[in-house]
Every structure is written in C-alpha cells, then in structure tokens.
N, C-alpha and C. Protein backbone atom coordinates (compact mmCIF):
# COMPACT_ATOMS: atom_id res chain seq x y z
N MET A 1 47.61 10.74 -27.02
CA MET A 1 46.41 10.58 -26.84
C MET A 1 45.83 10.35 -25.35
N SER A 2 44.56 10.87 -24.60
CA SER A 2 44.51 9.91 -23.35
C SER A 2 43.37 9.13 -22.91
N GLU A 3 42.86 8.62 -22.55
CA GLU A 3 42.27 6.89 -22.52
C GLU A 3 40.92 7.73 -21.64
N LYS A 4 40.06 7.26 -22.22
CA LYS A 4 38.57 7.89 -21.93
C LYS A 4 38.41 6.82 -20.37
N LYS A 5 38.12 7.60 -19.29
CA LYS A 5 37.95 6.84 -17.99
C LYS A 5 36.38 5.86 -18.50
N SER A 6 36.63 4.91 -17.88
CA SER A 6 35.29 3.66 -18.09
C SER A 6 34.11 4.05 -16.69
N GLU A 7 34.61 4.53 -16.05
CA GLU A 7 33.82 4.79 -14.60
C GLU A 7 32.85 5.69 -14.99
N SER A 8 32.22 5.62 -14.10
CA SER A 8 30.42 7.19 -14.44
C SER A 8 31.27 8.10 -13.35
N SER A 9 30.70 9.35 -13.63
CA SER A 9 31.28 10.52 -12.15
C SER A 9 30.83 10.18 -10.87
N TYR A 10 29.63 9.01 -11.34
CA TYR A 10 28.55 8.42 -9.39
C TYR A 10 29.08 7.36 -9.59
N GLU A 11 30.30 6.73 -9.48
CA GLU A 11 30.23 5.76 -9.01
C GLU A 11 30.84 5.83 -7.52
N ASP A 12 30.57 4.75 -6.86
CA ASP A 12 30.57 4.92 -5.73
C ASP A 12 29.50 5.77 -4.78
N LYS A 13 28.57 6.57 -5.43
CA LYS A 13 27.93 7.47 -4.69
C LYS A 13 26.38 6.98 -4.80
N GLN A 14 26.40 6.10 -5.27
CA GLN A 14 25.11 5.06 -4.64
C GLN A 14 24.51 3.57 -4.21
N ASP A 15 26.25 3.56 -3.47
CA ASP A 15 26.66 2.11 -3.33
C ASP A 15 26.02 1.43 -2.03
N HIS A 16 25.22 2.63 -1.35
CA HIS A 16 24.99 2.67 0.49
C HIS A 16 23.45 2.45 0.28
N ILE A 17 22.98 2.75 -0.92
CA ILE A 17 21.42 2.26 -1.22
C ILE A 17 20.32 1.18 -0.12
N PRO A 18 21.20 -0.01 -1.31
CA PRO A 18 20.63 -1.13 -0.86
C PRO A 18 20.94 -1.66 0.64
N ALA A 19 21.91 -1.06 1.45
CA ALA A 19 21.81 -1.65 3.07
C ALA A 19 21.66 -0.20 3.46
N TRP A 20 20.47 1.08 3.05
CA TRP A 20 20.28 1.84 3.58
C TRP A 20 18.99 1.78 4.82
N THR A 21 18.82 1.94 6.08
CA THR A 21 17.99 1.57 6.86
C THR A 21 16.68 2.35 6.53
N THR A 22 15.46 1.74 6.27
CA THR A 22 14.63 2.85 5.93
C THR A 22 13.16 2.61 7.35
N PRO A 23 12.46 3.35 7.51
CA PRO A 23 11.62 2.72 8.25
C PRO A 23 10.60 1.20 7.94
N ALA A 24 10.17 0.87 8.85
CA ALA A 24 9.47 -0.41 8.68
C ALA A 24 8.11 -0.38 8.29
N ILE A 25 8.13 -1.21 7.32
CA ILE A 25 6.77 -1.44 6.75
C ILE A 25 5.94 -2.65 7.61
N GLU A 26 4.87 -1.77 8.07
CA GLU A 26 4.25 -2.97 9.12
C GLU A 26 3.64 -3.71 8.40
N TRP A 27 2.38 -4.46 8.78
CA TRP A 27 1.46 -5.50 8.11
C TRP A 27 0.49 -5.73 9.35
N PHE A 28 -0.49 -6.26 8.44
CA PHE A 28 -1.56 -7.08 9.48
C PHE A 28 -2.10 -8.40 8.89
N ALA A 29 -2.17 -9.57 9.54
CA ALA A 29 -2.64 -10.46 8.98
C ALA A 29 -4.18 -10.70 8.02
N ASN A 30 -3.35 -10.75 6.75
CA ASN A 30 -4.14 -11.45 5.87
C ASN A 30 -5.37 -12.62 5.89
N VAL A 31 -6.84 -12.02 6.44
CA VAL A 31 -7.74 -13.14 6.55
C VAL A 31 -8.23 -13.63 5.43
N TYR A 32 -7.65 -13.68 4.22
CA TYR A 32 -8.74 -14.20 3.17
C TYR A 32 -6.98 -14.86 2.65
N ALA A 33 -6.02 -15.39 3.17
CA ALA A 33 -4.81 -15.94 3.08
C ALA A 33 -5.43 -17.18 1.98
N GLY A 34 -4.92 -17.62 1.21
CA GLY A 34 -5.26 -18.47 0.21
C GLY A 34 -6.12 -18.07 -0.89
N LYS A 35 -6.80 -17.15 -0.72
CA LYS A 35 -7.35 -16.82 -1.93
C LYS A 35 -6.41 -15.60 -2.87
N GLU A 36 -6.68 -15.53 -4.07
CA GLU A 36 -5.55 -14.52 -4.46
C GLU A 36 -6.28 -13.45 -5.13
N TYR A 37 -5.93 -12.80 -4.49
CA TYR A 37 -6.67 -11.08 -4.96
C TYR A 37 -5.12 -10.17 -5.00
N ASN A 38 -5.50 -8.87 -5.83
CA ASN A 38 -4.82 -7.95 -6.35
C ASN A 38 -4.80 -7.05 -5.38
N ILE A 39 -3.94 -6.02 -4.79
CA ILE A 39 -4.05 -4.90 -3.86
C ILE A 39 -2.85 -4.03 -4.71
N GLU A 40 -3.58 -2.74 -4.99
CA GLU A 40 -3.12 -1.50 -5.58
C GLU A 40 -2.56 -0.07 -5.10
N PHE A 41 -1.45 0.30 -4.19
CA PHE A 41 -1.42 1.64 -4.27
C PHE A 41 -1.16 2.48 -4.84
N THR A 42 -1.75 3.78 -5.12
CA THR A 42 -0.69 5.04 -5.84
C THR A 42 -0.49 5.93 -4.66
N ILE A 43 0.65 6.48 -4.97
CA ILE A 43 1.33 7.25 -4.14
C ILE A 43 1.41 8.83 -4.66
N PRO A 44 0.88 9.47 -5.02
CA PRO A 44 0.92 10.49 -6.00
C PRO A 44 1.98 11.77 -5.78
N GLU A 45 1.99 11.97 -4.44
CA GLU A 45 3.53 12.52 -3.91
C GLU A 45 4.33 12.63 -3.49
N PHE A 46 5.20 10.94 -4.22
CA PHE A 46 6.37 10.81 -3.98
C PHE A 46 7.24 11.93 -4.19
N THR A 47 8.34 12.12 -3.21
CA THR A 47 9.34 13.09 -3.45
C THR A 47 10.47 12.73 -2.91
N ALA A 48 12.01 12.71 -3.76
CA ALA A 48 12.72 12.35 -3.48
C ALA A 48 14.07 13.61 -4.15
N VAL A 49 15.17 13.43 -4.21
CA VAL A 49 16.15 14.53 -4.24
C VAL A 49 17.15 13.94 -5.53
N CYS A 50 17.19 15.02 -6.33
CA CYS A 50 18.64 14.40 -7.58
C CYS A 50 19.76 14.46 -6.75
N PRO A 51 20.69 13.38 -6.80
CA PRO A 51 21.86 13.62 -6.36
C PRO A 51 22.82 14.18 -6.69
N LYS A 52 22.71 14.91 -8.20
CA LYS A 52 23.75 15.45 -9.16
C LYS A 52 23.13 16.97 -8.44
N THR A 53 21.67 17.57 -8.47
CA THR A 53 21.60 18.84 -8.81
C THR A 53 21.24 19.17 -7.12
N GLY A 54 20.73 18.13 -6.19
CA GLY A 54 20.21 18.40 -5.28
C GLY A 54 18.58 18.81 -5.05
N LEU A 55 18.13 19.33 -6.31
CA LEU A 55 16.83 19.63 -6.58
C LEU A 55 15.80 18.53 -6.48
N PRO A 56 14.63 18.59 -6.21
CA PRO A 56 13.69 17.92 -5.61
C PRO A 56 13.37 17.17 -6.93
N ASP A 57 12.83 15.79 -6.75
CA ASP A 57 12.74 15.20 -7.35
C ASP A 57 10.72 14.67 -7.93
N PHE A 58 10.17 14.63 -8.30
CA PHE A 58 8.91 14.10 -7.95
C PHE A 58 7.89 13.12 -9.09
N GLY A 59 7.01 12.23 -8.31
CA GLY A 59 6.68 11.65 -9.35
C GLY A 59 5.60 10.91 -8.33
N THR A 60 4.87 9.94 -9.12
CA THR A 60 3.64 8.80 -8.44
C THR A 60 4.56 7.74 -8.25
N ILE A 61 4.50 6.79 -7.52
CA ILE A 61 4.88 5.30 -7.24
C ILE A 61 3.49 4.40 -7.43
N TYR A 62 3.57 3.58 -8.08
CA TYR A 62 2.53 2.60 -8.13
C TYR A 62 3.02 1.30 -7.33
N ILE A 63 2.08 0.66 -6.73
CA ILE A 63 2.63 -0.43 -6.00
C ILE A 63 1.24 -2.07 -6.26
N GLU A 64 1.60 -2.74 -6.74
CA GLU A 64 0.59 -3.82 -6.95
C GLU A 64 1.20 -4.81 -6.52
N TYR A 65 0.01 -5.93 -5.52
CA TYR A 65 0.92 -6.88 -4.96
C TYR A 65 -0.25 -8.02 -4.65
N ILE A 66 0.18 -9.16 -4.78
CA ILE A 66 -1.01 -10.19 -4.42
C ILE A 66 -0.14 -10.63 -2.91
N PRO A 67 -1.39 -10.66 -1.88
CA PRO A 67 -0.96 -11.01 -0.72
C PRO A 67 -0.88 -12.71 -0.16
N ARG A 68 0.18 -12.72 0.34
CA ARG A 68 0.16 -14.19 0.73
C ARG A 68 -0.13 -14.17 2.27
N GLU A 69 0.46 -14.02 3.25
CA GLU A 69 -0.14 -14.12 4.44
C GLU A 69 -0.40 -12.64 5.62
N LYS A 70 0.20 -12.18 4.57
CA LYS A 70 0.54 -10.39 5.28
C LYS A 70 -0.41 -9.05 4.59
N CYS A 71 -0.87 -8.30 4.81
CA CYS A 71 -0.93 -6.88 3.74
C CYS A 71 -0.50 -5.69 4.66
N ALA A 72 0.00 -5.24 3.86
CA ALA A 72 0.81 -3.95 4.09
C ALA A 72 -0.22 -3.07 4.63
N GLU A 73 0.44 -2.27 5.99
CA GLU A 73 -0.37 -1.22 6.87
C GLU A 73 0.08 0.08 6.22
N LEU A 74 -0.90 0.74 6.04
CA LEU A 74 -0.70 2.14 4.94
C LEU A 74 0.03 3.01 5.52
N LYS A 75 -0.29 3.36 7.11
CA LYS A 75 0.36 4.26 7.57
C LYS A 75 1.91 4.39 7.84
N SER A 76 2.05 2.91 7.91
CA SER A 76 3.78 2.82 7.92
C SER A 76 3.90 3.04 6.55
N LEU A 77 3.46 2.33 5.62
CA LEU A 77 3.66 3.02 4.43
C LEU A 77 4.10 4.17 3.78
N LYS A 78 2.76 5.17 4.76
CA LYS A 78 3.20 6.92 4.07
C LYS A 78 4.38 6.88 4.86
N GLU A 79 4.54 6.33 6.28
CA GLU A 79 6.07 7.22 6.65
C GLU A 79 7.18 6.53 5.91
N TYR A 80 7.01 5.36 5.22
CA TYR A 80 8.28 4.71 4.67
C TYR A 80 8.51 5.97 3.33
N MET A 81 7.37 6.14 2.72
CA MET A 81 7.77 6.64 1.80
C MET A 81 8.05 8.04 1.79
N MET A 82 7.99 8.66 3.23
CA MET A 82 8.37 9.80 3.46
C MET A 82 9.95 9.81 3.83
N ALA A 83 10.15 8.72 4.12
CA ALA A 83 11.63 8.84 4.62
C ALA A 83 12.89 9.37 3.12
N TYR A 84 11.66 9.15 2.18
CA TYR A 84 12.68 9.13 0.50
C TYR A 84 12.62 10.68 0.60
N ARG A 85 12.18 11.69 1.22
CA ARG A 85 11.96 12.76 0.77
C ARG A 85 13.25 13.65 0.87
N ASN A 86 14.06 13.21 1.54
CA ASN A 86 15.73 14.63 1.44
C ASN A 86 16.66 13.52 0.91
N VAL A 87 16.53 12.21 0.41
CA VAL A 87 17.39 11.53 0.45
C VAL A 87 18.07 11.73 -0.97
N GLY A 88 19.21 11.65 -1.71
CA GLY A 88 19.60 11.97 -3.05
C GLY A 88 19.84 10.38 -3.61
N ILE A 89 18.93 10.47 -4.47
CA ILE A 89 18.73 8.89 -4.82
C ILE A 89 18.04 8.79 -6.35
N PHE A 90 18.94 7.79 -7.21
CA PHE A 90 18.29 7.86 -8.75
C PHE A 90 17.17 7.13 -8.65
N HIS A 91 16.21 7.63 -9.83
CA HIS A 91 14.96 6.98 -9.60
C HIS A 91 15.26 5.55 -9.62
N GLU A 92 15.90 4.89 -10.52
CA GLU A 92 16.23 3.27 -10.83
C GLU A 92 16.29 2.86 -9.15
N ASN A 93 17.02 3.54 -8.36
CA ASN A 93 17.29 2.88 -7.52
C ASN A 93 16.13 3.02 -6.46
N VAL A 94 14.99 4.18 -6.38
CA VAL A 94 14.12 4.12 -6.00
C VAL A 94 13.18 2.66 -5.91
N VAL A 95 13.10 2.78 -6.92
CA VAL A 95 12.43 1.46 -7.60
C VAL A 95 12.59 0.33 -6.99
N ASN A 96 13.85 -0.42 -7.09
CA ASN A 96 14.73 -1.69 -6.91
C ASN A 96 14.67 -1.01 -5.50
N LYS A 97 14.63 -0.19 -4.59
CA LYS A 97 15.17 -0.40 -3.27
C LYS A 97 13.20 -0.30 -2.67
N ILE A 98 12.55 0.36 -2.76
CA ILE A 98 10.89 0.08 -2.64
C ILE A 98 10.54 -1.77 -2.60
N LEU A 99 11.17 -1.67 -3.80
CA LEU A 99 10.41 -3.16 -4.36
C LEU A 99 11.18 -4.59 -3.09
N GLU A 100 12.34 -3.92 -3.38
CA GLU A 100 13.15 -5.67 -1.62
C GLU A 100 12.46 -4.99 -0.38
N ASP A 101 12.42 -3.68 -0.04
CA ASP A 101 12.02 -3.52 1.12
C ASP A 101 10.44 -3.70 1.36
N PHE A 102 9.39 -3.91 0.54
CA PHE A 102 8.17 -4.09 0.41
C PHE A 102 8.30 -6.01 0.69
N VAL A 103 9.14 -6.18 -0.32
CA VAL A 103 9.26 -8.40 -0.24
C VAL A 103 9.65 -8.72 0.96
N LYS A 104 10.74 -8.03 1.51
CA LYS A 104 11.30 -8.50 2.89
C LYS A 104 10.08 -8.44 3.64
N ALA A 105 9.24 -7.06 3.76
CA ALA A 105 8.76 -6.92 4.87
C ALA A 105 6.80 -7.89 4.95
N ILE A 106 6.54 -7.78 3.69
CA ILE A 106 4.83 -8.43 3.06
C ILE A 106 5.04 -9.91 3.14
N ASP A 107 5.95 -10.21 2.58
CA ASP A 107 6.30 -11.66 1.57
C ASP A 107 5.18 -11.89 1.09
N PRO A 108 4.90 -10.96 -0.57
CA PRO A 108 3.62 -11.44 -1.31
C PRO A 108 4.32 -12.44 -2.20
N LEU A 109 3.11 -13.05 -3.08
CA LEU A 109 3.52 -14.09 -4.04
C LEU A 109 3.72 -13.20 -5.03
N TYR A 110 3.16 -12.04 -5.61
CA TYR A 110 3.57 -11.21 -6.58
C TYR A 110 3.95 -9.84 -5.72
N ALA A 111 4.48 -8.99 -6.66
CA ALA A 111 4.70 -7.45 -6.06
C ALA A 111 4.99 -6.75 -7.74
N LYS A 112 4.64 -5.56 -8.09
CA LYS A 112 5.58 -4.91 -8.99
C LYS A 112 5.71 -3.50 -8.36
N VAL A 113 6.77 -2.43 -8.91
CA VAL A 113 6.80 -1.22 -7.90
C VAL A 113 7.03 -0.46 -9.47
N ILE A 114 6.20 0.51 -10.00
CA ILE A 114 6.07 1.88 -10.75
C ILE A 114 7.11 2.96 -10.12
N GLY A 115 7.75 3.71 -10.78
CA GLY A 115 8.28 4.81 -10.35
C GLY A 115 7.46 5.61 -11.54
N ASP A 116 6.86 6.32 -11.77
CA ASP A 116 6.76 7.56 -12.83
C ASP A 116 6.78 8.70 -12.28
N TYR A 117 8.18 9.57 -13.18
CA TYR A 117 8.60 10.56 -12.33
C TYR A 117 8.04 11.71 -13.39
N ASN A 118 7.54 12.95 -12.72
CA ASN A 118 7.23 13.83 -13.74
C ASN A 118 8.75 14.45 -14.79
N VAL A 119 8.33 15.39 -15.73
CA VAL A 119 9.40 15.33 -16.54
C VAL A 119 10.41 16.54 -15.74
N ARG A 120 11.54 16.18 -16.15
CA ARG A 120 12.62 16.61 -15.49
C ARG A 120 13.96 17.17 -17.10
N GLY A 121 14.15 18.69 -17.25
CA GLY A 121 15.35 18.44 -18.12
C GLY A 121 14.21 18.03 -19.61
N GLY A 122 13.47 17.75 -19.64
CA GLY A 122 12.88 17.66 -21.12
C GLY A 122 12.76 15.64 -21.08
N VAL A 123 12.98 15.28 -20.17
CA VAL A 123 13.04 13.93 -20.09
C VAL A 123 11.96 12.89 -19.13
N LYS A 124 11.38 12.58 -19.87
CA LYS A 124 9.99 11.56 -18.54
C LYS A 124 10.64 10.20 -18.45
N THR A 125 11.18 10.17 -16.95
CA THR A 125 11.20 8.63 -17.30
C THR A 125 10.04 7.96 -15.93
N VAL A 126 10.16 6.73 -16.46
CA VAL A 126 9.30 5.68 -15.68
C VAL A 126 10.42 4.27 -16.04
N VAL A 127 10.35 3.97 -14.61
CA VAL A 127 10.97 2.93 -13.56
C VAL A 127 10.01 1.44 -13.38
N LYS A 128 10.31 0.42 -13.62
CA LYS A 128 9.25 -0.60 -13.47
C LYS A 128 10.41 -2.02 -13.11
N ARG A 129 10.15 -2.73 -11.89
CA ARG A 129 10.33 -3.72 -11.41
C ARG A 129 9.38 -4.81 -11.06
N GLU A 130 9.45 -6.30 -11.22
CA GLU A 130 8.70 -7.19 -10.68
C GLU A 130 9.34 -8.07 -9.80
N TYR A 131 8.28 -8.65 -9.03
CA TYR A 131 8.75 -9.77 -8.17
C TYR A 131 8.04 -10.41 -8.37
N LYS A 132 8.29 -12.03 -8.27
CA LYS A 132 7.40 -13.36 -8.55
C LYS A 132 7.62 -14.41 -7.66
N ALA A 133 7.14 -15.09 -6.48
CA ALA A 133 7.73 -15.94 -5.85
C ALA A 133 8.09 -16.97 -5.97
C-alpha cells in the first residue's frame, strides 16, 4: 500500500510572494491626523494570473483604512496594482501581500483588504484580511 503524499503539488511555488518587491505605495501627509475617518478604494479591474493554468484572474480589490499620519497616493496605488498583472499568484496571497505592503507604506490605524474574484470554474472566491494597530 502506498503512503499518501502530505505536501501540496504547489509546495514552495508561492514562498517568494512575501519577499516579492512591488512598486512603492507613495503617500502624502494627513492634515487631519488625529481625526478618525475612513478612506475606501475600489479597484474593479484587478488582474493577476492563475499559477496553475497561466490564465488571467479578474476581480475587484477593496481597500478600506483609517489613516494615521499618512494617506495613500492614488497614482502610485494604481501602479502598485498593475504590478500583479503578469504574476502567477493565488487569490489568498494577493490579499495578504496587498495588506502587508499597504500597512508597511501607510502605517494606518486600521486597514482591510478584500479580494472579490470573478467566478472561475464555477467557484466564486472572496478573501478578506484586516489589520488593527
């Protein structure tokens, strides 16, 4: 009797994602620092690549945050999102990477990233992650 393999066939194929160098998310000074308010971004044309098939994955990325001293600059955020266009990456890793990069760049009081992907193979995927300072 053969023993079942415990590793995924994707083992080690996404290990580079946390260290992947993405374009900088630039910022400007929050002149209302000390006032708690929410900022929300919707990126409805997000595209990455399925690491298994090489086909494009389409979805909407939502970012909500409460700024501290910095606010995200939109042009750099667009350029940041474009960097994913030709990258083979799992949906889960997209959301985690965006949140970690965003928090590192902006240092918000709170941030939430949602990846709401189009149906693929009859499956709809929504991935969410939150950060609280």
